[in-house]
Amino acid sequence: MKLAILSIITGFIVGFIFALFKLPIPAPPALAGVTGIVGIYLGFKVYEQVQPWLQRVFS
C-alpha cells in the first residue's frame, strides 16, 4: 500500500510540473487510454492466478 501511495504522489508531482511548464502530459490523455492500462494490469494478474490451473489442464 505504501508503494501505491508513493506512486500516486510521484505521479501527481510529475503531472503538476509538466502542466507548470506547459508540456504535453506523459500519460494517455483520454480515459480510454488509462482504462486500457488498467485492463493490461488486470489481465496480467488474472493470468498469474490461473497459470497453475492451466498447467494442470494442458500438461
N, C-alpha and C. Protein backbone atom coordinates (compact mmCIF):
# COMPACT_ATOMS: atom_id res chain seq x y z
N MET A 1 0.82 -1.19 0.00
CA MET A 1 0.00 0.00 0.00
C MET A 1 0.87 1.26 0.00
N LYS A 2 1.98 1.19 0.72
CA LYS A 2 2.89 2.32 0.77
C LYS A 2 3.42 2.64 -0.62
N LEU A 3 3.74 1.61 -1.39
CA LEU A 3 4.25 1.81 -2.75
C LEU A 3 3.20 2.48 -3.63
N ALA A 4 1.95 2.08 -3.49
CA ALA A 4 0.87 2.69 -4.29
C ALA A 4 0.71 4.17 -3.95
N ILE A 5 0.77 4.50 -2.68
CA ILE A 5 0.63 5.90 -2.26
C ILE A 5 1.79 6.73 -2.77
N LEU A 6 3.01 6.19 -2.66
CA LEU A 6 4.17 6.91 -3.19
C LEU A 6 4.08 7.09 -4.70
N SER A 7 3.55 6.10 -5.41
CA SER A 7 3.38 6.21 -6.85
C SER A 7 2.38 7.30 -7.21
N ILE A 8 1.28 7.37 -6.48
CA ILE A 8 0.28 8.41 -6.74
C ILE A 8 0.87 9.79 -6.48
N ILE A 9 1.60 9.93 -5.38
CA ILE A 9 2.21 11.23 -5.06
C ILE A 9 3.22 11.62 -6.12
N THR A 10 4.05 10.68 -6.54
CA THR A 10 5.05 10.96 -7.57
C THR A 10 4.37 11.35 -8.88
N GLY A 11 3.34 10.61 -9.26
CA GLY A 11 2.61 10.93 -10.49
C GLY A 11 1.98 12.31 -10.43
N PHE A 12 1.42 12.66 -9.27
CA PHE A 12 0.83 13.98 -9.09
C PHE A 12 1.88 15.08 -9.27
N ILE A 13 3.04 14.89 -8.66
CA ILE A 13 4.10 15.89 -8.76
C ILE A 13 4.59 16.03 -10.20
N VAL A 14 4.78 14.91 -10.88
CA VAL A 14 5.22 14.94 -12.28
C VAL A 14 4.18 15.63 -13.15
N GLY A 15 2.91 15.28 -12.96
CA GLY A 15 1.84 15.93 -13.72
C GLY A 15 1.80 17.43 -13.48
N PHE A 16 1.98 17.84 -12.24
CA PHE A 16 1.98 19.26 -11.89
C PHE A 16 3.13 19.98 -12.58
N ILE A 17 4.32 19.38 -12.55
CA ILE A 17 5.49 20.01 -13.17
C ILE A 17 5.30 20.11 -14.68
N PHE A 18 4.77 19.07 -15.31
CA PHE A 18 4.52 19.12 -16.75
C PHE A 18 3.53 20.23 -17.09
N ALA A 19 2.47 20.37 -16.29
CA ALA A 19 1.48 21.43 -16.52
C ALA A 19 2.11 22.81 -16.30
N LEU A 20 2.95 22.93 -15.30
CA LEU A 20 3.62 24.18 -14.98
C LEU A 20 4.44 24.67 -16.17
N PHE A 21 5.15 23.76 -16.83
CA PHE A 21 5.99 24.11 -17.97
C PHE A 21 5.26 23.99 -19.30
N LYS A 22 3.95 23.75 -19.24
CA LYS A 22 3.10 23.64 -20.43
C LYS A 22 3.60 22.57 -21.40
N LEU A 23 4.01 21.45 -20.85
CA LEU A 23 4.46 20.30 -21.65
C LEU A 23 3.29 19.34 -21.82
N PRO A 24 3.31 18.52 -22.88
CA PRO A 24 2.24 17.52 -23.01
C PRO A 24 2.33 16.50 -21.89
N ILE A 25 1.19 16.05 -21.44
CA ILE A 25 1.14 15.11 -20.32
C ILE A 25 1.82 13.79 -20.70
N PRO A 26 2.64 13.23 -19.81
CA PRO A 26 3.36 11.99 -20.12
C PRO A 26 2.53 10.74 -19.85
N ALA A 27 1.27 10.78 -20.18
CA ALA A 27 0.37 9.65 -19.96
C ALA A 27 -0.74 9.73 -21.00
N PRO A 28 -1.49 8.66 -21.17
CA PRO A 28 -2.61 8.73 -22.11
C PRO A 28 -3.56 9.86 -21.71
N PRO A 29 -3.89 10.74 -22.66
CA PRO A 29 -4.71 11.89 -22.31
C PRO A 29 -6.19 11.59 -22.14
N ALA A 30 -6.61 10.42 -22.56
CA ALA A 30 -8.04 10.10 -22.51
C ALA A 30 -8.30 9.00 -21.50
N LEU A 31 -9.51 8.97 -21.00
CA LEU A 31 -9.89 7.94 -20.04
C LEU A 31 -9.74 6.55 -20.66
N ALA A 32 -9.99 6.43 -21.95
CA ALA A 32 -9.85 5.12 -22.61
C ALA A 32 -8.41 4.60 -22.51
N GLY A 33 -7.44 5.49 -22.63
CA GLY A 33 -6.04 5.07 -22.51
C GLY A 33 -5.71 4.58 -21.12
N VAL A 34 -6.21 5.29 -20.13
CA VAL A 34 -5.96 4.91 -18.74
C VAL A 34 -6.64 3.57 -18.43
N THR A 35 -7.89 3.41 -18.88
CA THR A 35 -8.57 2.14 -18.62
C THR A 35 -7.91 0.99 -19.37
N GLY A 36 -7.30 1.27 -20.52
CA GLY A 36 -6.55 0.24 -21.23
C GLY A 36 -5.36 -0.25 -20.42
N ILE A 37 -4.67 0.68 -19.78
CA ILE A 37 -3.53 0.31 -18.93
C ILE A 37 -4.01 -0.53 -17.75
N VAL A 38 -5.12 -0.13 -17.15
CA VAL A 38 -5.69 -0.90 -16.04
C VAL A 38 -6.07 -2.30 -16.52
N GLY A 39 -6.65 -2.40 -17.71
CA GLY A 39 -7.01 -3.70 -18.27
C GLY A 39 -5.80 -4.60 -18.48
N ILE A 40 -4.71 -4.04 -18.96
CA ILE A 40 -3.48 -4.82 -19.15
C ILE A 40 -2.99 -5.35 -17.81
N TYR A 41 -3.00 -4.51 -16.80
CA TYR A 41 -2.56 -4.91 -15.47
C TYR A 41 -3.45 -6.02 -14.91
N LEU A 42 -4.77 -5.85 -15.04
CA LEU A 42 -5.69 -6.86 -14.52
C LEU A 42 -5.54 -8.18 -15.27
N GLY A 43 -5.36 -8.12 -16.58
CA GLY A 43 -5.14 -9.35 -17.35
C GLY A 43 -3.89 -10.09 -16.89
N PHE A 44 -2.85 -9.35 -16.61
CA PHE A 44 -1.60 -9.95 -16.12
C PHE A 44 -1.83 -10.63 -14.77
N LYS A 45 -2.56 -9.96 -13.88
CA LYS A 45 -2.81 -10.52 -12.55
C LYS A 45 -3.71 -11.76 -12.62
N VAL A 46 -4.71 -11.74 -13.50
CA VAL A 46 -5.59 -12.91 -13.66
C VAL A 46 -4.78 -14.08 -14.20
N TYR A 47 -3.90 -13.83 -15.15
CA TYR A 47 -3.06 -14.91 -15.68
C TYR A 47 -2.21 -15.53 -14.57
N GLU A 48 -1.64 -14.69 -13.70
CA GLU A 48 -0.85 -15.23 -12.59
C GLU A 48 -1.67 -16.17 -11.72
N GLN A 49 -2.95 -15.86 -11.54
CA GLN A 49 -3.82 -16.68 -10.69
C GLN A 49 -4.23 -17.99 -11.36
N VAL A 50 -4.45 -17.97 -12.67
CA VAL A 50 -4.94 -19.17 -13.36
C VAL A 50 -3.82 -20.01 -13.98
N GLN A 51 -2.60 -19.52 -13.97
CA GLN A 51 -1.49 -20.26 -14.58
C GLN A 51 -1.32 -21.67 -14.00
N PRO A 52 -1.36 -21.86 -12.68
CA PRO A 52 -1.23 -23.24 -12.18
C PRO A 52 -2.35 -24.16 -12.70
N TRP A 53 -3.56 -23.66 -12.77
CA TRP A 53 -4.67 -24.45 -13.29
C TRP A 53 -4.45 -24.77 -14.77
N LEU A 54 -4.01 -23.80 -15.54
CA LEU A 54 -3.76 -24.03 -16.96
C LEU A 54 -2.67 -25.08 -17.17
N GLN A 55 -1.65 -25.04 -16.35
CA GLN A 55 -0.57 -26.02 -16.47
C GLN A 55 -1.09 -27.43 -16.19
N ARG A 56 -1.98 -27.59 -15.21
CA ARG A 56 -2.54 -28.91 -14.92
C ARG A 56 -3.44 -29.39 -16.05
N VAL A 57 -4.21 -28.50 -16.63
CA VAL A 57 -5.17 -28.88 -17.67
C VAL A 57 -4.44 -29.26 -18.96
N PHE A 58 -3.42 -28.50 -19.34
CA PHE A 58 -2.77 -28.70 -20.63
C PHE A 58 -1.48 -29.51 -20.56
N SER A 59 -1.20 -30.14 -19.45
CA SER A 59 0.01 -30.98 -19.40
C SER A 59 -0.32 -32.44 -19.23
